Amino acid sequence: MLDVASRSLRRDLFTGCGPANISKSSAGAYGPFKRCFDVIATIALAPMSLIIVGILALLIRRDGGNAFFCQQRVGRNGQVFKLWKLRTMVPDADQVFQAFLDQDPDARTEWEKTQKLRTDPRITPIGRYLRKYSADELPQLWNVFLGQMSLVGPRPMCPEQQTQYPGIAYFQLRPGMTGLWQVSARNNCSFAERAIFDTEYAGAMSFAKDIQILLSTPFVVLRGTGL
């Protein structure tokens, strides 16, 4: 089913007649309200989030490394920004990762297809739990407050992943802390197939849709399917 939908949505995206194109008028009307909602919700969540992040940061620091980690991500209109997370990887993660891929062809294939690994040697013991329940992403509320992200939107992508993304919907939106992909397929589709969910969201974006996704997110998180 994803294959059929993917072919259809790719055709729509590149011919300009799909949901992402239709969404421009609706996004223009909803956009300012969406941004106001992001700011108000972020401020409301800040006190509890700061306490949780502070406790988790102290636990992460026990291995001697930094508690926080930032990495470049692509935002709306292709602008690159620094995304903040709680550190879930060992300090020498890049070297560990490359050595692992060199020794395991199956892992390299999995990474090239999904941009994720189900068994990732870089992840620390506490990091595994943080990722499983998406607690490592709480600092991204700061990115939302700054306007670089939204509470709901496409999954943030790295600059080097742009060549693997077969669509344009992502670049019309602010990336989100949660989104249609996270509450639908999450880790069960290829990286390229995320464009299907981004395009669908771009065409259906509304306050009701965002609330639906936000209300669905805790149930998905509690299932512990994060990697």
N, C-alpha and C. Protein backbone atom coordinates (compact mmCIF):
# COMPACT_ATOMS: atom_id res chain seq x y z
N MET A 1 0.83 -1.21 0.00
CA MET A 1 0.00 0.00 0.00
C MET A 1 0.86 1.25 0.00
N LEU A 2 1.95 1.22 0.79
CA LEU A 2 2.86 2.36 0.81
C LEU A 2 3.46 2.60 -0.56
N ASP A 3 3.76 1.52 -1.30
CA ASP A 3 4.35 1.64 -2.63
C ASP A 3 3.42 2.39 -3.58
N VAL A 4 2.14 2.00 -3.57
CA VAL A 4 1.16 2.64 -4.44
C VAL A 4 0.99 4.10 -4.07
N ALA A 5 0.85 4.34 -2.75
CA ALA A 5 0.68 5.72 -2.28
C ALA A 5 1.91 6.56 -2.60
N SER A 6 3.08 5.96 -2.45
CA SER A 6 4.31 6.68 -2.72
C SER A 6 4.40 7.11 -4.17
N ARG A 7 4.08 6.21 -5.09
CA ARG A 7 4.14 6.57 -6.51
C ARG A 7 3.16 7.69 -6.84
N SER A 8 1.95 7.60 -6.27
CA SER A 8 0.93 8.61 -6.52
C SER A 8 1.34 9.97 -5.97
N LEU A 9 1.84 9.96 -4.71
CA LEU A 9 2.20 11.21 -4.08
C LEU A 9 3.44 11.83 -4.71
N ARG A 10 4.39 11.01 -5.13
CA ARG A 10 5.57 11.56 -5.81
C ARG A 10 5.15 12.25 -7.10
N ARG A 11 4.22 11.64 -7.85
CA ARG A 11 3.73 12.24 -9.09
C ARG A 11 3.06 13.57 -8.78
N ASP A 12 2.23 13.60 -7.73
CA ASP A 12 1.54 14.83 -7.35
C ASP A 12 2.52 15.92 -6.96
N LEU A 13 3.53 15.54 -6.17
CA LEU A 13 4.49 16.51 -5.69
C LEU A 13 5.22 17.19 -6.83
N PHE A 14 5.69 16.41 -7.77
CA PHE A 14 6.52 16.96 -8.82
C PHE A 14 5.72 17.59 -9.95
N THR A 15 4.41 17.31 -10.03
CA THR A 15 3.59 17.97 -11.03
C THR A 15 2.84 19.17 -10.45
N GLY A 16 2.95 19.32 -9.12
CA GLY A 16 2.35 20.48 -8.47
C GLY A 16 0.85 20.41 -8.31
N CYS A 17 0.25 19.23 -8.39
CA CYS A 17 -1.21 19.13 -8.29
C CYS A 17 -1.64 18.36 -7.06
N GLY A 18 -0.74 18.05 -6.17
CA GLY A 18 -1.07 17.22 -5.01
C GLY A 18 -1.44 18.03 -3.79
N PRO A 19 -1.63 17.36 -2.67
CA PRO A 19 -2.05 17.99 -1.43
C PRO A 19 -1.11 19.09 -0.97
N ALA A 20 0.22 18.92 -1.21
CA ALA A 20 1.17 19.93 -0.75
C ALA A 20 0.91 21.25 -1.43
N ASN A 21 0.47 21.21 -2.72
CA ASN A 21 0.18 22.42 -3.46
C ASN A 21 -1.12 23.05 -2.97
N ILE A 22 -2.12 22.21 -2.73
CA ILE A 22 -3.41 22.68 -2.23
C ILE A 22 -3.26 23.35 -0.88
N SER A 23 -2.31 22.88 -0.08
CA SER A 23 -2.18 23.33 1.30
C SER A 23 -1.71 24.76 1.43
N LYS A 24 -1.20 25.38 0.34
CA LYS A 24 -0.60 26.71 0.48
C LYS A 24 -1.60 27.74 0.98
N SER A 25 -2.85 27.70 0.47
CA SER A 25 -3.85 28.66 0.91
C SER A 25 -4.28 28.39 2.34
N SER A 26 -4.51 27.10 2.66
CA SER A 26 -4.95 26.76 4.01
C SER A 26 -3.83 27.00 5.01
N ALA A 27 -2.58 26.73 4.60
CA ALA A 27 -1.45 26.96 5.50
C ALA A 27 -1.30 28.44 5.78
N GLY A 28 -1.58 29.27 4.76
CA GLY A 28 -1.47 30.72 4.96
C GLY A 28 -2.45 31.21 6.00
N ALA A 29 -3.67 30.65 6.00
CA ALA A 29 -4.69 31.06 6.96
C ALA A 29 -4.40 30.51 8.36
N TYR A 30 -3.96 29.25 8.42
CA TYR A 30 -3.74 28.59 9.71
C TYR A 30 -2.37 28.91 10.31
N GLY A 31 -1.41 29.25 9.45
CA GLY A 31 -0.03 29.42 9.89
C GLY A 31 0.17 30.32 11.11
N PRO A 32 -0.35 31.57 11.10
CA PRO A 32 -0.16 32.46 12.26
C PRO A 32 -0.77 31.89 13.54
N PHE A 33 -1.96 31.28 13.42
CA PHE A 33 -2.59 30.68 14.61
C PHE A 33 -1.76 29.50 15.11
N LYS A 34 -1.25 28.70 14.20
CA LYS A 34 -0.41 27.55 14.56
C LYS A 34 0.80 28.02 15.34
N ARG A 35 1.41 29.10 14.87
CA ARG A 35 2.60 29.63 15.56
C ARG A 35 2.24 30.15 16.96
N CYS A 36 1.12 30.83 17.08
CA CYS A 36 0.68 31.32 18.40
C CYS A 36 0.42 30.15 19.34
N PHE A 37 -0.20 29.12 18.83
CA PHE A 37 -0.48 27.93 19.65
C PHE A 37 0.83 27.30 20.11
N ASP A 38 1.82 27.21 19.22
CA ASP A 38 3.12 26.65 19.58
C ASP A 38 3.75 27.42 20.75
N VAL A 39 3.73 28.73 20.67
CA VAL A 39 4.35 29.56 21.70
C VAL A 39 3.63 29.40 23.03
N ILE A 40 2.30 29.50 23.00
CA ILE A 40 1.52 29.39 24.25
C ILE A 40 1.70 28.01 24.88
N ALA A 41 1.63 26.97 24.07
CA ALA A 41 1.77 25.61 24.59
C ALA A 41 3.17 25.37 25.14
N THR A 42 4.18 25.91 24.46
CA THR A 42 5.57 25.75 24.93
C THR A 42 5.78 26.42 26.28
N ILE A 43 5.25 27.61 26.43
CA ILE A 43 5.37 28.32 27.70
C ILE A 43 4.65 27.56 28.81
N ALA A 44 3.48 27.02 28.50
CA ALA A 44 2.71 26.25 29.49
C ALA A 44 3.44 24.97 29.91
N LEU A 45 4.14 24.34 28.96
CA LEU A 45 4.84 23.09 29.24
C LEU A 45 6.21 23.31 29.88
N ALA A 46 6.71 24.54 29.83
CA ALA A 46 8.09 24.82 30.25
C ALA A 46 8.40 24.42 31.70
N PRO A 47 7.59 24.79 32.70
CA PRO A 47 7.97 24.47 34.09
C PRO A 47 8.18 22.97 34.32
N MET A 48 7.24 22.13 33.91
CA MET A 48 7.37 20.70 34.10
C MET A 48 8.52 20.13 33.26
N SER A 49 8.64 20.64 32.03
CA SER A 49 9.70 20.14 31.13
C SER A 49 11.09 20.46 31.67
N LEU A 50 11.26 21.64 32.24
CA LEU A 50 12.56 22.03 32.79
C LEU A 50 12.97 21.12 33.94
N ILE A 51 12.01 20.76 34.77
CA ILE A 51 12.30 19.86 35.90
C ILE A 51 12.74 18.49 35.39
N ILE A 52 11.98 17.95 34.43
CA ILE A 52 12.30 16.63 33.88
C ILE A 52 13.65 16.65 33.17
N VAL A 53 13.87 17.66 32.34
CA VAL A 53 15.14 17.76 31.61
C VAL A 53 16.31 17.92 32.57
N GLY A 54 16.12 18.69 33.64
CA GLY A 54 17.18 18.88 34.63
C GLY A 54 17.58 17.57 35.31
N ILE A 55 16.59 16.77 35.70
CA ILE A 55 16.86 15.48 36.34
C ILE A 55 17.57 14.54 35.37
N LEU A 56 17.06 14.47 34.14
CA LEU A 56 17.67 13.58 33.14
C LEU A 56 19.09 14.03 32.79
N ALA A 57 19.32 15.33 32.75
CA ALA A 57 20.65 15.85 32.44
C ALA A 57 21.67 15.42 33.49
N LEU A 58 21.27 15.43 34.75
CA LEU A 58 22.16 14.99 35.83
C LEU A 58 22.51 13.51 35.68
N LEU A 59 21.54 12.70 35.30
CA LEU A 59 21.79 11.27 35.10
C LEU A 59 22.72 11.03 33.91
N ILE A 60 22.54 11.79 32.85
CA ILE A 60 23.37 11.63 31.65
C ILE A 60 24.81 12.03 31.94
N ARG A 61 24.99 13.04 32.76
CA ARG A 61 26.33 13.57 33.05
C ARG A 61 27.20 12.58 33.84
N ARG A 62 26.61 11.52 34.33
CA ARG A 62 27.36 10.59 35.17
C ARG A 62 28.49 9.90 34.41
N ASP A 63 28.42 9.85 33.07
CA ASP A 63 29.51 9.23 32.32
C ASP A 63 30.60 10.21 31.93
N GLY A 64 30.47 11.46 32.42
CA GLY A 64 31.51 12.46 32.18
C GLY A 64 31.32 13.30 30.94
N GLY A 65 30.36 12.94 30.08
CA GLY A 65 30.12 13.70 28.85
C GLY A 65 29.11 14.80 29.06
N ASN A 66 28.88 15.59 28.03
CA ASN A 66 27.89 16.66 28.09
C ASN A 66 26.48 16.07 28.16
N ALA A 67 25.60 16.79 28.82
CA ALA A 67 24.23 16.33 28.93
C ALA A 67 23.43 16.62 27.67
N PHE A 68 23.83 17.67 26.96
CA PHE A 68 23.07 18.09 25.78
C PHE A 68 23.87 17.88 24.50
N PHE A 69 23.12 17.78 23.43
CA PHE A 69 23.72 17.51 22.12
C PHE A 69 22.97 18.35 21.10
N CYS A 70 23.70 19.02 20.23
CA CYS A 70 23.03 19.76 19.17
C CYS A 70 23.58 19.33 17.81
N GLN A 71 22.72 19.37 16.82
CA GLN A 71 23.08 18.92 15.49
C GLN A 71 22.29 19.73 14.47
N GLN A 72 22.88 19.93 13.32
CA GLN A 72 22.19 20.70 12.29
C GLN A 72 21.01 19.93 11.71
N ARG A 73 19.91 20.65 11.51
CA ARG A 73 18.73 20.10 10.86
C ARG A 73 18.22 21.12 9.83
N VAL A 74 17.45 20.61 8.88
CA VAL A 74 16.89 21.46 7.84
C VAL A 74 15.49 21.89 8.27
N GLY A 75 15.25 23.20 8.20
CA GLY A 75 13.95 23.73 8.57
C GLY A 75 13.15 24.19 7.37
N ARG A 76 12.16 25.00 7.64
CA ARG A 76 11.29 25.50 6.57
C ARG A 76 12.09 26.31 5.56
N ASN A 77 11.76 26.16 4.30
CA ASN A 77 12.45 26.83 3.20
C ASN A 77 13.92 26.46 3.10
N GLY A 78 14.28 25.30 3.66
CA GLY A 78 15.65 24.81 3.55
C GLY A 78 16.65 25.47 4.49
N GLN A 79 16.17 26.31 5.41
CA GLN A 79 17.08 26.97 6.35
C GLN A 79 17.58 25.96 7.39
N VAL A 80 18.90 26.00 7.65
CA VAL A 80 19.50 25.06 8.59
C VAL A 80 19.53 25.70 9.98
N PHE A 81 19.19 24.90 10.99
CA PHE A 81 19.22 25.38 12.37
C PHE A 81 19.83 24.31 13.28
N LYS A 82 20.14 24.70 14.51
CA LYS A 82 20.69 23.77 15.49
C LYS A 82 19.56 23.17 16.32
N LEU A 83 19.40 21.86 16.21
CA LEU A 83 18.38 21.14 16.97
C LEU A 83 19.00 20.61 18.26
N TRP A 84 18.28 20.79 19.38
CA TRP A 84 18.80 20.38 20.68
C TRP A 84 18.13 19.11 21.17
N LYS A 85 18.96 18.24 21.75
CA LYS A 85 18.47 16.99 22.32
C LYS A 85 19.28 16.68 23.57
N LEU A 86 18.75 15.81 24.41
CA LEU A 86 19.55 15.23 25.48
C LEU A 86 20.47 14.18 24.85
N ARG A 87 21.72 14.15 25.27
CA ARG A 87 22.68 13.23 24.66
C ARG A 87 22.32 11.79 25.00
N THR A 88 22.24 10.95 23.96
CA THR A 88 21.92 9.54 24.15
C THR A 88 23.04 8.63 23.64
N MET A 89 24.11 9.23 23.11
CA MET A 89 25.18 8.44 22.52
C MET A 89 26.48 8.56 23.30
N VAL A 90 27.36 7.62 23.07
CA VAL A 90 28.69 7.66 23.69
C VAL A 90 29.46 8.85 23.13
N PRO A 91 30.45 9.40 23.87
CA PRO A 91 31.18 10.59 23.41
C PRO A 91 31.86 10.41 22.05
N ASP A 92 32.40 9.23 21.74
CA ASP A 92 33.08 9.01 20.45
C ASP A 92 32.16 8.30 19.46
N ALA A 93 30.92 8.78 19.38
CA ALA A 93 29.87 8.09 18.62
C ALA A 93 30.20 7.93 17.13
N ASP A 94 30.80 8.95 16.51
CA ASP A 94 31.06 8.88 15.07
C ASP A 94 32.02 7.75 14.72
N GLN A 95 33.08 7.63 15.51
CA GLN A 95 34.07 6.57 15.24
C GLN A 95 33.47 5.18 15.49
N VAL A 96 32.70 5.05 16.57
CA VAL A 96 32.04 3.78 16.89
C VAL A 96 31.07 3.39 15.78
N PHE A 97 30.33 4.37 15.29
CA PHE A 97 29.32 4.13 14.26
C PHE A 97 29.96 3.67 12.95
N GLN A 98 31.00 4.37 12.53
CA GLN A 98 31.64 4.01 11.26
C GLN A 98 32.27 2.62 11.32
N ALA A 99 32.91 2.31 12.44
CA ALA A 99 33.53 1.00 12.59
C ALA A 99 32.46 -0.10 12.56
N PHE A 100 31.31 0.17 13.17
CA PHE A 100 30.23 -0.81 13.20
C PHE A 100 29.68 -1.07 11.79
N LEU A 101 29.46 -0.01 11.02
CA LEU A 101 28.94 -0.17 9.67
C LEU A 101 29.95 -0.88 8.76
N ASP A 102 31.23 -0.61 8.98
CA ASP A 102 32.27 -1.27 8.18
C ASP A 102 32.29 -2.78 8.41
N GLN A 103 31.92 -3.19 9.63
CA GLN A 103 31.98 -4.61 9.99
C GLN A 103 30.67 -5.34 9.77
N ASP A 104 29.58 -4.60 9.53
CA ASP A 104 28.27 -5.24 9.43
C ASP A 104 27.52 -4.72 8.20
N PRO A 105 27.61 -5.41 7.06
CA PRO A 105 26.93 -4.97 5.83
C PRO A 105 25.41 -4.86 5.98
N ASP A 106 24.81 -5.74 6.78
CA ASP A 106 23.36 -5.69 6.97
C ASP A 106 22.96 -4.40 7.68
N ALA A 107 23.77 -4.00 8.66
CA ALA A 107 23.50 -2.76 9.38
C ALA A 107 23.64 -1.56 8.44
N ARG A 108 24.62 -1.60 7.56
CA ARG A 108 24.81 -0.50 6.60
C ARG A 108 23.59 -0.39 5.67
N THR A 109 23.09 -1.54 5.23
CA THR A 109 21.91 -1.55 4.37
C THR A 109 20.70 -0.97 5.10
N GLU A 110 20.53 -1.38 6.36
CA GLU A 110 19.42 -0.87 7.17
C GLU A 110 19.52 0.64 7.33
N TRP A 111 20.73 1.13 7.59
CA TRP A 111 20.95 2.56 7.78
C TRP A 111 20.65 3.34 6.50
N GLU A 112 21.13 2.82 5.37
CA GLU A 112 20.93 3.51 4.10
C GLU A 112 19.46 3.58 3.71
N LYS A 113 18.68 2.57 4.14
CA LYS A 113 17.26 2.55 3.80
C LYS A 113 16.42 3.41 4.75
N THR A 114 16.66 3.31 6.05
CA THR A 114 15.78 3.96 7.03
C THR A 114 16.41 5.11 7.78
N GLN A 115 17.75 5.26 7.68
CA GLN A 115 18.49 6.27 8.44
C GLN A 115 18.33 6.06 9.95
N LYS A 116 18.08 4.80 10.32
CA LYS A 116 18.00 4.39 11.73
C LYS A 116 18.53 2.97 11.85
N LEU A 117 18.96 2.61 13.08
CA LEU A 117 19.40 1.24 13.34
C LEU A 117 18.63 0.70 14.55
N ARG A 118 18.10 -0.50 14.42
CA ARG A 118 17.39 -1.10 15.56
C ARG A 118 18.38 -1.52 16.65
N THR A 119 19.60 -1.86 16.25
CA THR A 119 20.66 -2.13 17.23
C THR A 119 21.80 -1.17 16.95
N ASP A 120 21.85 -0.10 17.71
CA ASP A 120 22.82 0.97 17.46
C ASP A 120 23.89 0.96 18.55
N PRO A 121 25.15 0.68 18.20
CA PRO A 121 26.21 0.58 19.21
C PRO A 121 26.59 1.91 19.85
N ARG A 122 26.10 2.99 19.30
CA ARG A 122 26.43 4.31 19.84
C ARG A 122 25.61 4.68 21.07
N ILE A 123 24.47 4.01 21.24
CA ILE A 123 23.53 4.42 22.28
C ILE A 123 23.98 3.97 23.67
N THR A 124 23.94 4.89 24.63
CA THR A 124 24.29 4.57 26.02
C THR A 124 23.13 3.83 26.68
N PRO A 125 23.37 3.17 27.82
CA PRO A 125 22.28 2.46 28.50
C PRO A 125 21.09 3.36 28.84
N ILE A 126 21.37 4.55 29.41
CA ILE A 126 20.26 5.46 29.72
C ILE A 126 19.68 6.05 28.44
N GLY A 127 20.55 6.22 27.44
CA GLY A 127 20.10 6.76 26.16
C GLY A 127 19.08 5.87 25.48
N ARG A 128 19.21 4.56 25.69
CA ARG A 128 18.29 3.62 25.08
C ARG A 128 16.86 3.86 25.60
N TYR A 129 16.74 4.14 26.89
CA TYR A 129 15.43 4.40 27.46
C TYR A 129 14.91 5.78 27.06
N LEU A 130 15.81 6.75 27.01
CA LEU A 130 15.40 8.10 26.59
C LEU A 130 14.84 8.08 25.18
N ARG A 131 15.50 7.34 24.29
CA ARG A 131 15.04 7.24 22.91
C ARG A 131 13.75 6.43 22.80
N LYS A 132 13.70 5.37 23.56
CA LYS A 132 12.52 4.49 23.50
C LYS A 132 11.24 5.27 23.78
N TYR A 133 11.33 6.20 24.75
CA TYR A 133 10.15 6.98 25.13
C TYR A 133 10.24 8.45 24.68
N SER A 134 11.19 8.73 23.78
CA SER A 134 11.34 10.06 23.16
C SER A 134 11.61 11.18 24.15
N ALA A 135 12.10 10.83 25.34
CA ALA A 135 12.39 11.86 26.34
C ALA A 135 13.60 12.71 25.94
N ASP A 136 14.46 12.18 25.08
CA ASP A 136 15.63 12.93 24.64
C ASP A 136 15.25 14.14 23.79
N GLU A 137 14.01 14.19 23.31
CA GLU A 137 13.59 15.27 22.43
C GLU A 137 12.95 16.44 23.17
N LEU A 138 12.83 16.36 24.48
CA LEU A 138 12.20 17.45 25.24
C LEU A 138 12.89 18.81 25.05
N PRO A 139 14.23 18.87 24.94
CA PRO A 139 14.86 20.19 24.72
C PRO A 139 14.44 20.87 23.41
N GLN A 140 13.81 20.12 22.52
CA GLN A 140 13.35 20.73 21.26
C GLN A 140 12.21 21.71 21.47
N LEU A 141 11.65 21.74 22.68
CA LEU A 141 10.67 22.78 23.00
C LEU A 141 11.30 24.16 22.84
N TRP A 142 12.62 24.25 23.08
CA TRP A 142 13.33 25.51 22.87
C TRP A 142 13.34 25.87 21.39
N ASN A 143 13.57 24.88 20.53
CA ASN A 143 13.52 25.12 19.08
C ASN A 143 12.13 25.57 18.64
N VAL A 144 11.09 24.99 19.27
CA VAL A 144 9.72 25.40 18.96
C VAL A 144 9.50 26.84 19.39
N PHE A 145 9.95 27.18 20.58
CA PHE A 145 9.78 28.54 21.09
C PHE A 145 10.46 29.56 20.18
N LEU A 146 11.63 29.20 19.64
CA LEU A 146 12.37 30.11 18.76
C LEU A 146 11.77 30.20 17.36
N GLY A 147 10.83 29.33 17.05
CA GLY A 147 10.20 29.37 15.74
C GLY A 147 10.90 28.54 14.69
N GLN A 148 11.89 27.75 15.10
CA GLN A 148 12.61 26.89 14.16
C GLN A 148 11.85 25.59 13.91
N MET A 149 11.02 25.21 14.86
CA MET A 149 10.22 23.99 14.76
C MET A 149 8.79 24.32 15.19
N SER A 150 7.92 23.33 15.03
CA SER A 150 6.55 23.41 15.51
C SER A 150 6.30 22.19 16.40
N LEU A 151 5.25 22.24 17.19
CA LEU A 151 4.90 21.06 17.96
C LEU A 151 4.54 19.90 17.04
N VAL A 152 3.87 20.22 15.92
CA VAL A 152 3.46 19.20 14.95
C VAL A 152 4.01 19.57 13.57
N GLY A 153 4.63 18.59 12.93
CA GLY A 153 5.18 18.82 11.60
C GLY A 153 5.98 17.61 11.16
N PRO A 154 6.70 17.72 10.04
CA PRO A 154 7.52 16.61 9.57
C PRO A 154 8.67 16.31 10.52
N ARG A 155 9.16 15.08 10.48
CA ARG A 155 10.34 14.70 11.27
C ARG A 155 11.55 15.49 10.78
N PRO A 156 12.29 16.18 11.67
CA PRO A 156 13.45 16.97 11.23
C PRO A 156 14.49 16.11 10.52
N MET A 157 15.01 16.59 9.41
CA MET A 157 16.02 15.83 8.68
C MET A 157 17.37 16.55 8.71
N CYS A 158 18.44 15.77 8.59
CA CYS A 158 19.79 16.31 8.52
C CYS A 158 20.03 16.87 7.12
N PRO A 159 20.95 17.85 6.97
CA PRO A 159 21.23 18.41 5.65
C PRO A 159 21.63 17.36 4.62
N GLU A 160 22.42 16.36 5.04
CA GLU A 160 22.89 15.36 4.09
C GLU A 160 21.79 14.39 3.66
N GLN A 161 20.64 14.44 4.32
CA GLN A 161 19.53 13.54 3.96
C GLN A 161 18.63 14.13 2.88
N GLN A 162 18.84 15.38 2.52
CA GLN A 162 17.95 16.04 1.57
C GLN A 162 17.91 15.34 0.22
N THR A 163 19.03 14.78 -0.20
CA THR A 163 19.08 14.12 -1.50
C THR A 163 18.27 12.82 -1.53
N GLN A 164 17.94 12.30 -0.34
CA GLN A 164 17.17 11.05 -0.27
C GLN A 164 15.67 11.31 -0.11
N TYR A 165 15.30 12.59 0.00
CA TYR A 165 13.89 12.94 0.24
C TYR A 165 13.20 13.25 -1.08
N PRO A 166 12.21 12.45 -1.47
CA PRO A 166 11.60 12.57 -2.79
C PRO A 166 10.36 13.47 -2.83
N GLY A 167 10.45 14.66 -2.30
CA GLY A 167 9.27 15.51 -2.30
C GLY A 167 9.60 16.94 -1.93
N ILE A 168 8.57 17.79 -1.80
CA ILE A 168 8.76 19.20 -1.46
C ILE A 168 7.97 19.63 -0.22
N ALA A 169 7.05 18.80 0.24
CA ALA A 169 6.18 19.19 1.36
C ALA A 169 6.98 19.56 2.59
N TYR A 170 8.03 18.81 2.87
CA TYR A 170 8.84 19.06 4.07
C TYR A 170 9.31 20.50 4.12
N PHE A 171 9.74 21.02 2.99
CA PHE A 171 10.38 22.34 2.95
C PHE A 171 9.37 23.49 3.05
N GLN A 172 8.08 23.18 2.98
CA GLN A 172 7.05 24.19 3.13
C GLN A 172 6.60 24.35 4.58
N LEU A 173 7.07 23.47 5.46
CA LEU A 173 6.59 23.42 6.83
C LEU A 173 7.73 23.53 7.83
N ARG A 174 7.40 23.92 9.06
CA ARG A 174 8.38 23.80 10.14
C ARG A 174 8.42 22.34 10.58
N PRO A 175 9.61 21.77 10.78
CA PRO A 175 9.66 20.40 11.31
C PRO A 175 9.01 20.34 12.69
N GLY A 176 8.51 19.16 13.06
CA GLY A 176 7.77 19.06 14.31
C GLY A 176 8.39 18.11 15.32
N MET A 177 8.06 18.35 16.60
CA MET A 177 8.45 17.41 17.65
C MET A 177 7.69 16.10 17.50
N THR A 178 6.47 16.20 17.02
CA THR A 178 5.69 15.02 16.65
C THR A 178 5.03 15.31 15.32
N GLY A 179 4.42 14.28 14.74
CA GLY A 179 3.82 14.50 13.44
C GLY A 179 3.07 13.27 12.97
N LEU A 180 2.56 13.35 11.76
CA LEU A 180 1.78 12.25 11.22
C LEU A 180 2.60 10.98 11.09
N TRP A 181 3.87 11.10 10.67
CA TRP A 181 4.73 9.92 10.55
C TRP A 181 4.93 9.25 11.91
N GLN A 182 5.19 10.07 12.94
CA GLN A 182 5.46 9.51 14.26
C GLN A 182 4.28 8.74 14.83
N VAL A 183 3.06 9.18 14.53
CA VAL A 183 1.89 8.49 15.10
C VAL A 183 1.30 7.47 14.12
N SER A 184 1.95 7.29 12.98
CA SER A 184 1.47 6.33 11.99
C SER A 184 2.46 5.20 11.82
N ALA A 185 3.43 5.37 10.92
CA ALA A 185 4.37 4.28 10.61
C ALA A 185 5.52 4.20 11.61
N ARG A 186 6.07 5.28 12.02
CA ARG A 186 7.22 5.39 12.93
C ARG A 186 8.18 4.19 12.90
N ASN A 187 9.27 4.31 12.25
CA ASN A 187 10.31 3.28 12.16
C ASN A 187 9.91 2.06 11.33
N ASN A 188 8.70 2.04 10.77
CA ASN A 188 8.26 0.91 9.96
C ASN A 188 8.19 1.24 8.48
N CYS A 189 8.85 2.30 8.08
CA CYS A 189 8.92 2.64 6.66
C CYS A 189 10.30 3.19 6.37
N SER A 190 10.62 3.27 5.09
CA SER A 190 11.93 3.81 4.70
C SER A 190 11.95 5.32 4.90
N PHE A 191 13.15 5.88 4.88
CA PHE A 191 13.28 7.34 5.03
C PHE A 191 12.52 8.05 3.91
N ALA A 192 12.67 7.56 2.67
CA ALA A 192 12.01 8.19 1.53
C ALA A 192 10.49 8.18 1.67
N GLU A 193 9.96 7.13 2.29
CA GLU A 193 8.50 7.01 2.43
C GLU A 193 7.92 7.99 3.44
N ARG A 194 8.78 8.65 4.20
CA ARG A 194 8.27 9.68 5.10
C ARG A 194 7.59 10.80 4.31
N ALA A 195 8.04 10.99 3.06
CA ALA A 195 7.45 12.04 2.23
C ALA A 195 5.96 11.84 2.04
N ILE A 196 5.51 10.58 2.08
CA ILE A 196 4.08 10.28 1.95
C ILE A 196 3.31 10.96 3.08
N PHE A 197 3.81 10.81 4.30
CA PHE A 197 3.12 11.37 5.47
C PHE A 197 3.24 12.89 5.50
N ASP A 198 4.40 13.42 5.09
CA ASP A 198 4.58 14.88 5.06
C ASP A 198 3.62 15.52 4.07
N THR A 199 3.46 14.88 2.91
CA THR A 199 2.57 15.41 1.88
C THR A 199 1.11 15.34 2.34
N GLU A 200 0.75 14.24 2.96
CA GLU A 200 -0.62 14.11 3.48
C GLU A 200 -0.90 15.16 4.54
N TYR A 201 0.07 15.37 5.44
CA TYR A 201 -0.13 16.37 6.49
C TYR A 201 -0.23 17.78 5.90
N ALA A 202 0.61 18.08 4.92
CA ALA A 202 0.57 19.40 4.29
C ALA A 202 -0.79 19.69 3.69
N GLY A 203 -1.43 18.66 3.14
CA GLY A 203 -2.74 18.84 2.54
C GLY A 203 -3.88 18.92 3.53
N ALA A 204 -3.67 18.38 4.73
CA ALA A 204 -4.76 18.31 5.72
C ALA A 204 -4.49 19.18 6.94
N MET A 205 -3.43 19.99 6.89
CA MET A 205 -2.99 20.74 8.07
C MET A 205 -4.10 21.68 8.57
N SER A 206 -4.44 21.53 9.84
CA SER A 206 -5.46 22.35 10.49
C SER A 206 -5.29 22.21 12.00
N PHE A 207 -5.99 23.05 12.74
CA PHE A 207 -5.92 22.95 14.20
C PHE A 207 -6.46 21.61 14.67
N ALA A 208 -7.56 21.15 14.07
CA ALA A 208 -8.14 19.87 14.45
C ALA A 208 -7.16 18.73 14.19
N LYS A 209 -6.46 18.78 13.05
CA LYS A 209 -5.49 17.73 12.72
C LYS A 209 -4.34 17.74 13.72
N ASP A 210 -3.85 18.93 14.06
CA ASP A 210 -2.75 19.02 15.02
C ASP A 210 -3.15 18.49 16.39
N ILE A 211 -4.34 18.83 16.83
CA ILE A 211 -4.82 18.33 18.12
C ILE A 211 -4.94 16.81 18.09
N GLN A 212 -5.44 16.27 16.98
CA GLN A 212 -5.55 14.81 16.84
C GLN A 212 -4.19 14.15 16.97
N ILE A 213 -3.19 14.71 16.31
CA ILE A 213 -1.83 14.15 16.36
C ILE A 213 -1.24 14.29 17.75
N LEU A 214 -1.43 15.46 18.38
CA LEU A 214 -0.90 15.67 19.73
C LEU A 214 -1.52 14.72 20.75
N LEU A 215 -2.82 14.48 20.61
CA LEU A 215 -3.49 13.56 21.53
C LEU A 215 -3.08 12.11 21.30
N SER A 216 -2.71 11.78 20.06
CA SER A 216 -2.26 10.42 19.74
C SER A 216 -0.83 10.16 20.19
N THR A 217 -0.04 11.22 20.29
CA THR A 217 1.40 11.07 20.56
C THR A 217 1.71 10.36 21.87
N PRO A 218 1.07 10.71 23.01
CA PRO A 218 1.41 10.02 24.27
C PRO A 218 1.20 8.51 24.20
N PHE A 219 0.18 8.07 23.50
CA PHE A 219 -0.09 6.63 23.39
C PHE A 219 1.00 5.94 22.58
N VAL A 220 1.48 6.62 21.54
CA VAL A 220 2.58 6.07 20.74
C VAL A 220 3.87 6.04 21.57
N VAL A 221 4.13 7.13 22.29
CA VAL A 221 5.35 7.22 23.10
C VAL A 221 5.38 6.13 24.16
N LEU A 222 4.24 5.91 24.81
CA LEU A 222 4.17 4.92 25.89
C LEU A 222 4.34 3.48 25.39
N ARG A 223 4.16 3.27 24.09
CA ARG A 223 4.41 1.96 23.53
C ARG A 223 5.92 1.68 23.41
N GLY A 224 6.72 2.73 23.57
CA GLY A 224 8.18 2.56 23.58
C GLY A 224 8.74 2.06 22.27
N THR A 225 8.30 2.66 21.15
CA THR A 225 8.78 2.19 19.84
C THR A 225 9.90 3.06 19.28
N GLY A 226 10.36 4.03 20.05
CA GLY A 226 11.41 4.91 19.55
C GLY A 226 12.75 4.22 19.46
N LEU A 227 13.58 4.70 18.49
CA LEU A 227 14.92 4.13 18.30
C LEU A 227 15.96 5.21 18.50
